[in-house]
Amino acid sequence: MSDRMQAYIEQLGRQAQDAARQLATASTERKNAALIAAAASLRMHANDLLEANKADVESVREAGKPDAFVDRLMLDGERIEAVANAIEQIAELPDPVGRQLAVTERPNGLRIERVAVPLGVIGMIYESRPNVGADAGALCLKSGNAVILRGGSESLNSTRIIVDCMKEGLREADLPDDAIQMVDTTDRAAVQHLLQCTKYVDLVIPRGGKGLVSLVRDQARVPTLLHLDGNCHTYVHESADLTKAKAIVKNAKLRRTGVCGATESLVIDKAVAADLLPPLLDSMAGCEFRGDETATAIDSRIKPAEESDWDTEYLDTIISVKVVAGIEDALNWVAAHSSAHTDAIVTEDADVAALFLNTIDSAVVMHNASTQFSDGGEFGMGAEIGIATGKMHARGPVGLEQLTSFKYLVHGDGQTRA
């Protein structure tokens, strides 16, 4: 079985590599045409996608998955339309391929250009959310890359329909439909073979929980762009506008609890904790607060936190609460417990805001805004393939530009080197 699975992944890899060579030189017009046609196909096959998604959702519900997990998986007409709109928005973005990044004129007459080029073949491994397949496929197509999608087994039926629609768009534009493929099996051995397919795959991007990211980090031979968990913090400083703070924290936690940019931990200055926490609990009915001794003493509705709560990405209606003595205490706490995804400060003190923004070493740091804005679309990048929390190649939302590398073009006129 393992040999057959290796052969299957290598076949996908060969097909993707051939498609990537053609896509790398495709015109912007043809890539955009493929995206527009893919969006139209998604709308045309919306009922098929809803039926497939219904089967996926019923399966996970029968398996006893939590509501937040089901929400990430579920599609409806509005979400399908949002996926189609996101694809069309990517078509409207500037083509990142071929951008002149730098040019140098040497004393010997050589002209050296640094230009943006596609990465090649990208393996995208993700969990539950079927829209990730459409976002990743569209971003890779526009940036000239072929992609092999390996969605979670729970979204297999939905992913098949989405990939079929993306392929239809490619064919409409006379581009190779192997530019977007999926690993159409629930066999977990497929992931291992994809992670080690160095002959054909140039980069693997995982998007999921700690278990998936750890698996990729430990088993990959292919270079990876890691998307770690989102243990995001919102810190309310003593100078904060508390009306503003209440609205920000509520949105950051509850707008959608299952997204990686959701705030999981509230850090609050002792000077304003008693004024903010009770009305905050009133406004966030149904959300479980788990706090330290100071927080539980302020409001009996706050449950005592366990040590593990400070490092947990809940992806649910639960938030931890840490009361701190001031900005230095807050900086130390966030640095110790953040997953380096997104952290925010609520304050009216510009100097304190600058200190927080410059000190916290996360991919995205915010001032007076909900952490749920940590999203490529909200950054004007179109859809994103994930939030990179490392420091090499790309960091923060990974959009079109982050899916390119570069090469040097050297123009001469007969020069030889002594």
Protein backbone atom coordinates (compact mmCIF):
# COMPACT_ATOMS: atom_id res chain seq x y z
CA MET A 1 0.00 0.00 0.00
CA SER A 2 2.78 2.42 0.87
CA ASP A 3 4.52 1.84 -2.47
CA ARG A 4 1.26 2.46 -4.33
CA MET A 5 0.67 5.63 -2.33
CA GLN A 6 4.20 6.87 -3.07
CA ALA A 7 3.64 6.21 -6.78
CA TYR A 8 0.33 8.07 -6.63
CA ILE A 9 1.87 11.15 -4.99
CA GLU A 10 4.78 11.14 -7.43
CA GLN A 11 2.33 10.98 -10.32
CA LEU A 12 0.54 14.05 -8.97
CA GLY A 13 3.94 15.69 -8.54
CA ARG A 14 5.03 15.01 -12.13
CA GLN A 15 1.77 16.34 -13.47
CA ALA A 16 2.03 19.42 -11.28
CA GLN A 17 5.62 20.08 -12.33
CA ASP A 18 4.69 19.91 -16.02
CA ALA A 19 1.75 22.24 -15.41
CA ALA A 20 3.90 24.65 -13.41
CA ARG A 21 6.33 25.05 -16.32
CA GLN A 22 3.45 26.10 -18.57
CA LEU A 23 1.81 28.29 -15.96
CA ALA A 24 5.06 30.16 -15.21
CA THR A 25 4.96 31.79 -18.64
CA ALA A 26 1.19 32.18 -18.97
CA SER A 27 -0.07 35.68 -19.59
CA THR A 28 -1.87 37.65 -16.93
CA GLU A 29 -4.94 37.73 -19.16
CA ARG A 30 -5.16 33.94 -19.37
CA LYS A 31 -4.65 33.47 -15.66
CA ASN A 32 -7.34 36.02 -14.92
CA ALA A 33 -9.69 34.38 -17.41
CA ALA A 34 -9.21 31.06 -15.63
CA LEU A 35 -10.03 32.64 -12.29
CA ILE A 36 -13.17 34.37 -13.58
CA ALA A 37 -14.33 31.10 -15.16
CA ALA A 38 -13.61 29.18 -11.95
CA ALA A 39 -15.73 31.62 -9.94
CA ALA A 40 -18.56 31.24 -12.45
CA SER A 41 -18.28 27.47 -12.23
CA LEU A 42 -18.54 27.59 -8.44
CA ARG A 43 -21.76 29.57 -8.69
CA MET A 44 -23.11 27.24 -11.37
CA HIS A 45 -22.37 24.17 -9.25
CA ALA A 46 -23.39 25.71 -5.92
CA ASN A 47 -26.15 23.15 -5.36
CA ASP A 48 -23.73 20.28 -6.01
CA LEU A 49 -21.30 21.82 -3.55
CA LEU A 50 -24.01 22.27 -0.92
CA GLU A 51 -25.02 18.62 -1.24
CA ALA A 52 -21.42 17.46 -0.95
CA ASN A 53 -20.84 19.73 2.03
CA LYS A 54 -24.00 18.47 3.70
CA ALA A 55 -22.60 14.94 3.58
CA ASP A 56 -19.31 16.16 5.10
CA VAL A 57 -21.09 18.05 7.88
CA GLU A 58 -23.36 15.13 8.75
CA SER A 59 -20.33 12.87 8.99
CA VAL A 60 -18.47 15.09 11.47
CA ARG A 61 -21.60 15.68 13.53
CA GLU A 62 -22.08 11.93 13.84
CA ALA A 63 -18.46 11.72 14.95
CA GLY A 64 -19.23 14.14 17.79
CA LYS A 65 -17.06 17.05 16.61
CA PRO A 66 -17.61 20.37 18.48
CA ASP A 67 -19.76 23.14 17.04
CA ALA A 68 -16.74 25.34 16.25
CA PHE A 69 -15.29 22.55 14.10
CA VAL A 70 -18.60 22.11 12.30
CA ASP A 71 -18.78 25.87 11.67
CA ARG A 72 -15.36 25.85 9.99
CA LEU A 73 -16.49 23.03 7.70
CA MET A 74 -19.99 24.24 6.86
CA LEU A 75 -20.86 26.02 3.64
CA ASP A 76 -24.04 27.85 2.71
CA GLY A 77 -25.05 30.03 -0.21
CA GLU A 78 -23.53 33.13 1.35
CA ARG A 79 -20.19 31.45 2.04
CA ILE A 80 -20.01 29.98 -1.47
CA GLU A 81 -20.66 33.42 -2.92
CA ALA A 82 -17.89 34.79 -0.69
CA VAL A 83 -15.50 32.15 -2.04
CA ALA A 84 -16.41 33.05 -5.63
CA ASN A 85 -15.99 36.75 -4.87
CA ALA A 86 -12.57 36.10 -3.34
CA ILE A 87 -11.44 34.34 -6.52
CA GLU A 88 -12.63 37.28 -8.63
CA GLN A 89 -10.83 39.72 -6.33
CA ILE A 90 -7.59 37.79 -6.88
CA ALA A 91 -8.11 38.17 -10.63
CA GLU A 92 -8.22 41.94 -10.13
CA LEU A 93 -4.94 42.08 -8.23
CA PRO A 94 -1.65 42.92 -9.97
CA ASP A 95 0.24 39.94 -11.34
CA PRO A 96 3.23 39.32 -9.05
CA VAL A 97 5.19 37.38 -11.67
CA GLY A 98 7.80 39.29 -13.66
CA ARG A 99 7.98 42.28 -11.30
CA GLN A 100 11.35 44.01 -11.44
CA LEU A 101 12.48 43.99 -7.82
CA ALA A 102 15.85 45.67 -8.38
CA VAL A 103 18.23 46.62 -11.16
CA THR A 104 21.97 47.30 -11.00
CA GLU A 105 24.28 48.76 -13.64
CA ARG A 106 27.83 47.47 -13.12
CA PRO A 107 31.01 49.41 -14.09
CA ASN A 108 31.80 46.74 -16.70
CA GLY A 109 28.51 47.38 -18.47
CA LEU A 110 26.56 44.40 -17.12
CA ARG A 111 22.94 45.16 -16.31
CA ILE A 112 21.60 42.91 -13.57
CA GLU A 113 17.88 42.60 -12.89
CA ARG A 114 16.21 40.83 -9.96
CA VAL A 115 12.73 39.72 -11.02
CA ALA A 116 9.90 37.85 -9.32
CA VAL A 117 9.24 34.28 -10.44
CA PRO A 118 6.88 31.51 -9.28
CA LEU A 119 8.04 29.05 -6.63
CA GLY A 120 7.00 26.05 -8.75
CA VAL A 121 4.90 23.28 -7.15
CA ILE A 122 3.26 23.93 -3.79
CA GLY A 123 1.78 21.28 -1.54
CA MET A 124 -1.06 22.69 0.58
CA ILE A 125 -2.08 20.60 3.59
CA TYR A 126 -5.04 21.91 5.56
CA GLU A 127 -7.87 20.91 7.86
CA SER A 128 -11.65 21.21 7.73
CA ARG A 129 -12.26 24.50 5.90
CA PRO A 130 -13.11 23.62 2.28
CA ASN A 131 -12.79 27.25 1.15
CA VAL A 132 -9.03 27.01 1.77
CA GLY A 133 -8.78 24.82 -1.33
CA ALA A 134 -10.36 27.52 -3.49
CA ASP A 135 -8.26 30.30 -1.95
CA ALA A 136 -5.03 28.33 -2.30
CA GLY A 137 -5.84 27.23 -5.83
CA ALA A 138 -6.63 30.78 -6.93
CA LEU A 139 -3.57 32.33 -5.29
CA CYS A 140 -1.25 29.70 -6.71
CA LEU A 141 -2.76 30.04 -10.19
CA LYS A 142 -2.38 33.84 -10.22
CA SER A 143 1.20 33.60 -8.92
CA GLY A 144 2.12 31.04 -11.59
CA ASN A 145 2.42 28.04 -9.26
CA ALA A 146 0.89 24.60 -9.51
CA VAL A 147 -0.68 23.30 -6.31
CA ILE A 148 -1.44 19.90 -4.84
CA LEU A 149 -4.22 20.20 -2.27
CA ARG A 150 -4.53 17.78 0.62
CA GLY A 151 -7.59 18.83 2.59
CA GLY A 152 -8.83 17.13 5.73
CA SER A 153 -10.70 13.87 5.30
CA GLU A 154 -13.75 15.54 6.82
CA SER A 155 -14.03 17.92 3.82
CA LEU A 156 -13.24 15.41 1.06
CA ASN A 157 -16.61 15.62 -0.71
CA SER A 158 -16.65 19.42 -0.67
CA THR A 159 -13.05 19.63 -1.88
CA ARG A 160 -13.77 17.41 -4.89
CA ILE A 161 -16.43 19.80 -6.16
CA ILE A 162 -14.29 22.88 -5.53
CA VAL A 163 -11.30 21.39 -7.35
CA ASP A 164 -13.51 20.34 -10.28
CA CYS A 165 -14.72 23.94 -10.57
CA MET A 166 -11.16 25.29 -10.44
CA LYS A 167 -10.11 22.82 -13.13
CA GLU A 168 -13.02 23.88 -15.30
CA GLY A 169 -11.75 27.44 -15.08
CA LEU A 170 -8.26 26.36 -16.16
CA ARG A 171 -9.62 24.47 -19.16
CA GLU A 172 -11.79 27.46 -20.18
CA ALA A 173 -8.60 29.56 -20.36
CA ASP A 174 -6.65 26.83 -22.17
CA LEU A 175 -4.33 26.30 -19.23
CA PRO A 176 -3.28 22.87 -17.91
CA ASP A 177 -5.86 21.61 -15.43
CA ASP A 178 -3.15 19.70 -13.57
CA ALA A 179 -2.10 23.09 -12.21
CA ILE A 180 -4.68 22.45 -9.46
CA GLN A 181 -4.92 18.89 -8.15
CA MET A 182 -6.06 17.22 -4.95
CA VAL A 183 -4.87 14.17 -3.04
CA ASP A 184 -8.11 12.23 -3.37
CA THR A 185 -7.67 9.78 -0.53
CA THR A 186 -8.09 9.71 3.24
CA ASP A 187 -5.00 7.52 3.63
CA ARG A 188 -2.68 9.38 6.01
CA ALA A 189 0.35 7.88 4.31
CA ALA A 190 -0.33 10.31 1.48
CA VAL A 191 0.69 13.23 3.69
CA GLN A 192 4.02 11.66 4.56
CA HIS A 193 4.81 10.98 0.90
CA LEU A 194 3.83 14.51 -0.09
CA LEU A 195 6.11 15.91 2.62
CA GLN A 196 9.02 13.90 1.26
CA CYS A 197 8.39 14.40 -2.47
CA THR A 198 11.49 16.54 -2.98
CA LYS A 199 11.79 15.65 -6.67
CA TYR A 200 8.59 17.44 -7.61
CA VAL A 201 7.36 19.62 -4.74
CA ASP A 202 9.11 22.93 -4.02
CA LEU A 203 7.26 24.07 -0.89
CA VAL A 204 4.71 22.66 1.57
CA ILE A 205 2.36 24.94 3.49
CA PRO A 206 0.39 23.44 6.38
CA ARG A 207 -2.69 25.20 7.68
CA GLY A 208 -4.23 23.71 10.79
CA GLY A 209 -3.74 22.94 14.44
CA LYS A 210 -0.64 22.08 16.42
CA GLY A 211 -0.86 18.39 15.53
CA LEU A 212 -0.73 19.01 11.80
CA VAL A 213 2.00 21.64 12.03
CA SER A 214 4.11 19.40 14.27
CA LEU A 215 3.71 16.52 11.83
CA VAL A 216 4.85 18.67 8.94
CA ARG A 217 7.76 20.15 10.88
CA ASP A 218 8.98 16.71 12.01
CA GLN A 219 8.51 14.72 8.78
CA ALA A 220 9.04 17.18 5.94
CA ARG A 221 12.02 16.95 3.63
CA VAL A 222 10.44 19.52 1.34
CA PRO A 223 10.90 23.14 2.51
CA THR A 224 7.95 24.36 4.57
CA LEU A 225 6.20 27.63 5.35
CA LEU A 226 4.73 27.04 8.78
CA HIS A 227 1.41 28.41 9.94
CA LEU A 228 1.39 27.88 13.70
CA ASP A 229 -1.61 28.02 16.00
CA GLY A 230 -3.20 31.36 16.81
CA ASN A 231 -2.88 31.93 20.56
CA CYS A 232 -3.67 35.61 20.08
CA HIS A 233 -3.74 38.19 22.88
CA THR A 234 -5.57 41.47 23.33
CA TYR A 235 -4.03 43.69 26.02
CA VAL A 236 -6.16 46.47 27.53
CA HIS A 237 -3.89 49.20 28.92
CA GLU A 238 -4.95 51.45 31.79
CA SER A 239 -5.32 54.40 29.38
CA ALA A 240 -7.75 52.53 27.14
CA ASP A 241 -11.14 53.90 26.17
CA LEU A 242 -13.19 51.20 27.90
CA THR A 243 -16.16 51.51 25.55
CA LYS A 244 -13.79 50.98 22.65
CA ALA A 245 -12.05 48.14 24.51
CA LYS A 246 -15.30 46.30 25.19
CA ALA A 247 -16.30 46.39 21.52
CA ILE A 248 -12.83 45.32 20.34
CA VAL A 249 -12.52 42.39 22.76
CA LYS A 250 -16.02 41.12 22.00
CA ASN A 251 -15.39 41.20 18.27
CA ALA A 252 -11.88 39.77 18.58
CA LYS A 253 -13.21 36.76 20.50
CA LEU A 254 -16.73 36.13 19.24
CA ARG A 255 -17.04 37.34 15.64
CA ARG A 256 -15.87 33.90 14.56
CA THR A 257 -14.34 31.73 17.25
CA GLY A 258 -12.93 29.17 14.83
CA VAL A 259 -10.50 31.43 12.96
CA CYS A 260 -6.81 31.62 13.80
CA GLY A 261 -6.99 35.39 14.35
CA ALA A 262 -9.52 35.10 17.16
CA THR A 263 -8.32 36.45 20.51
CA GLU A 264 -7.85 33.59 22.96
CA SER A 265 -6.40 35.55 25.90
CA LEU A 266 -7.39 38.88 27.40
CA VAL A 267 -4.59 40.68 29.23
CA ILE A 268 -5.81 43.64 31.27
CA ASP A 269 -4.22 46.23 33.52
CA LYS A 270 -5.23 45.97 37.18
CA ALA A 271 -6.11 49.67 37.20
CA VAL A 272 -9.08 49.12 34.86
CA ALA A 273 -9.90 45.44 35.38
CA ALA A 274 -12.77 46.02 37.83
CA ASP A 275 -14.35 48.62 35.55
CA LEU A 276 -14.10 46.56 32.37
CA LEU A 277 -14.57 42.90 33.29
CA PRO A 278 -18.19 42.90 34.62
CA PRO A 279 -19.68 44.81 31.64
CA LEU A 280 -17.54 42.74 29.29
CA LEU A 281 -18.99 39.53 30.70
CA ASP A 282 -22.47 41.02 30.39
CA SER A 283 -21.91 41.77 26.69
CA MET A 284 -20.29 38.39 25.93
CA ALA A 285 -23.04 36.11 27.21
CA GLY A 286 -22.30 32.47 26.45
CA CYS A 287 -18.52 32.96 26.46
CA GLU A 288 -16.68 31.19 29.27
CA PHE A 289 -14.06 33.32 31.03
CA ARG A 290 -11.14 31.58 32.77
CA GLY A 291 -9.01 33.90 34.85
CA ASP A 292 -6.29 34.26 37.43
CA GLU A 293 -7.00 34.96 41.12
CA THR A 294 -7.38 38.70 40.62
CA ALA A 295 -9.86 38.24 37.80
CA THR A 296 -11.98 35.67 39.65
CA ALA A 297 -12.10 37.96 42.68
CA ILE A 298 -13.52 40.78 40.54
CA ASP A 299 -16.37 38.72 39.05
CA SER A 300 -17.61 35.35 40.29
CA ARG A 301 -18.66 34.38 36.76
CA ILE A 302 -14.98 33.99 35.86
CA LYS A 303 -13.78 30.43 36.43
CA PRO A 304 -10.30 29.74 37.81
CA ALA A 305 -7.80 29.18 35.00
CA GLU A 306 -5.54 26.15 34.78
CA GLU A 307 -1.89 26.61 33.83
CA SER A 308 -2.63 25.14 30.40
CA ASP A 309 -5.19 27.86 29.66
CA TRP A 310 -2.47 30.46 29.08
CA ASP A 311 -1.13 28.54 26.07
CA THR A 312 -4.37 27.18 24.59
CA GLU A 313 -5.89 28.05 21.23
CA TYR A 314 -9.51 27.34 22.11
CA LEU A 315 -11.20 28.00 18.75
CA ASP A 316 -14.33 28.08 20.87
CA THR A 317 -16.37 30.42 23.11
CA ILE A 318 -13.72 30.41 25.84
CA ILE A 319 -11.24 33.15 26.74
CA SER A 320 -8.50 33.32 29.36
CA VAL A 321 -8.02 36.47 31.49
CA LYS A 322 -4.72 37.61 32.97
CA VAL A 323 -4.59 40.76 35.13
CA VAL A 324 -1.20 42.52 35.01
CA ALA A 325 0.45 45.39 36.85
CA GLY A 326 1.20 47.48 33.76
CA ILE A 327 2.85 47.61 30.35
CA GLU A 328 6.12 45.88 31.31
CA ASP A 329 4.23 43.03 32.97
CA ALA A 330 2.01 42.76 29.89
CA LEU A 331 4.94 42.69 27.49
CA ASN A 332 6.59 39.89 29.44
CA TRP A 333 3.34 37.90 29.65
CA VAL A 334 2.51 38.15 25.96
CA ALA A 335 6.09 37.31 24.96
CA ALA A 336 5.98 34.20 27.14
CA HIS A 337 2.63 32.85 25.91
CA SER A 338 1.93 34.21 22.42
CA SER A 339 2.24 31.87 19.45
CA ALA A 340 3.63 34.85 17.44
CA HIS A 341 0.54 35.00 15.23
CA THR A 342 -1.35 38.21 16.14
CA ASP A 343 -1.41 40.32 19.31
CA ALA A 344 -3.13 43.64 19.99
CA ILE A 345 -3.08 46.54 22.44
CA VAL A 346 -5.99 48.83 23.30
CA THR A 347 -4.69 52.18 24.56
CA GLU A 348 -5.03 55.91 24.04
CA ASP A 349 -1.37 56.47 24.98
CA ALA A 350 0.64 56.76 21.77
CA ASP A 351 3.97 56.10 23.49
CA VAL A 352 2.67 52.90 25.12
CA ALA A 353 1.20 51.78 21.81
CA ALA A 354 4.54 52.31 20.07
CA LEU A 355 6.36 50.35 22.79
CA PHE A 356 3.97 47.41 22.41
CA LEU A 357 4.06 47.45 18.59
CA ASN A 358 7.85 47.56 18.50
CA THR A 359 8.49 45.06 21.30
CA ILE A 360 6.04 42.23 20.61
CA ASP A 361 7.68 39.90 18.11
CA SER A 362 4.59 38.51 16.38
CA ALA A 363 3.81 38.37 12.68
CA VAL A 364 0.99 40.91 13.14
CA VAL A 365 0.76 43.45 15.98
CA MET A 366 -2.25 45.77 16.24
CA HIS A 367 -3.28 48.97 18.03
CA ASN A 368 -6.93 49.65 18.86
CA ALA A 369 -8.27 47.04 16.45
CA SER A 370 -9.73 43.53 16.61
CA THR A 371 -7.27 40.71 16.05
CA GLN A 372 -9.79 39.25 13.60
CA PHE A 373 -8.49 41.77 11.04
CA SER A 374 -5.42 39.53 10.75
CA ASP A 375 -6.41 38.35 7.31
CA GLY A 376 -5.00 38.75 3.83
CA GLY A 377 -8.28 40.02 2.44
CA GLU A 378 -8.51 42.69 5.14
CA PHE A 379 -4.92 43.70 4.36
CA GLY A 380 -5.86 44.31 0.73
CA MET A 381 -3.97 41.26 -0.46
CA GLY A 382 -7.02 39.33 -1.69
CA ALA A 383 -7.46 35.88 -0.23
CA GLU A 384 -4.59 34.41 1.73
CA ILE A 385 -3.09 30.95 1.83
CA GLY A 386 -2.36 31.27 5.56
CA ILE A 387 -0.60 33.35 8.21
CA ALA A 388 3.11 32.55 8.36
CA THR A 389 4.47 32.82 11.89
CA GLY A 390 8.12 32.15 11.07
CA LYS A 391 10.64 34.77 9.98
CA MET A 392 12.07 33.38 6.75
CA HIS A 393 10.80 34.14 3.23
CA ALA A 394 7.30 35.26 4.26
CA ARG A 395 5.69 36.47 7.48
CA GLY A 396 2.09 37.31 8.29
CA PRO A 397 -0.63 36.88 5.63
CA VAL A 398 0.71 34.87 2.70
CA GLY A 399 -0.72 36.31 -0.49
CA LEU A 400 0.41 36.59 -4.09
CA GLU A 401 3.76 38.32 -3.57
CA GLN A 402 4.72 35.84 -0.84
CA LEU A 403 4.15 32.95 -3.27
CA THR A 404 6.96 34.13 -5.52
CA SER A 405 10.73 33.90 -5.33
CA PHE A 406 13.17 35.74 -7.58
CA LYS A 407 15.98 35.17 -10.00
CA TYR A 408 18.68 37.35 -11.52
CA LEU A 409 18.72 38.26 -15.20
CA VAL A 410 22.16 39.39 -16.33
CA HIS A 411 22.39 41.36 -19.61
CA GLY A 412 25.75 41.76 -21.24
CA ASP A 413 27.38 42.78 -24.50
CA GLY A 414 30.27 40.38 -24.83
CA GLN A 415 31.85 40.91 -21.40
CA THR A 416 34.31 38.31 -20.18
CA ARG A 417 35.74 38.03 -16.69
CA ALA A 418 39.47 38.42 -16.08
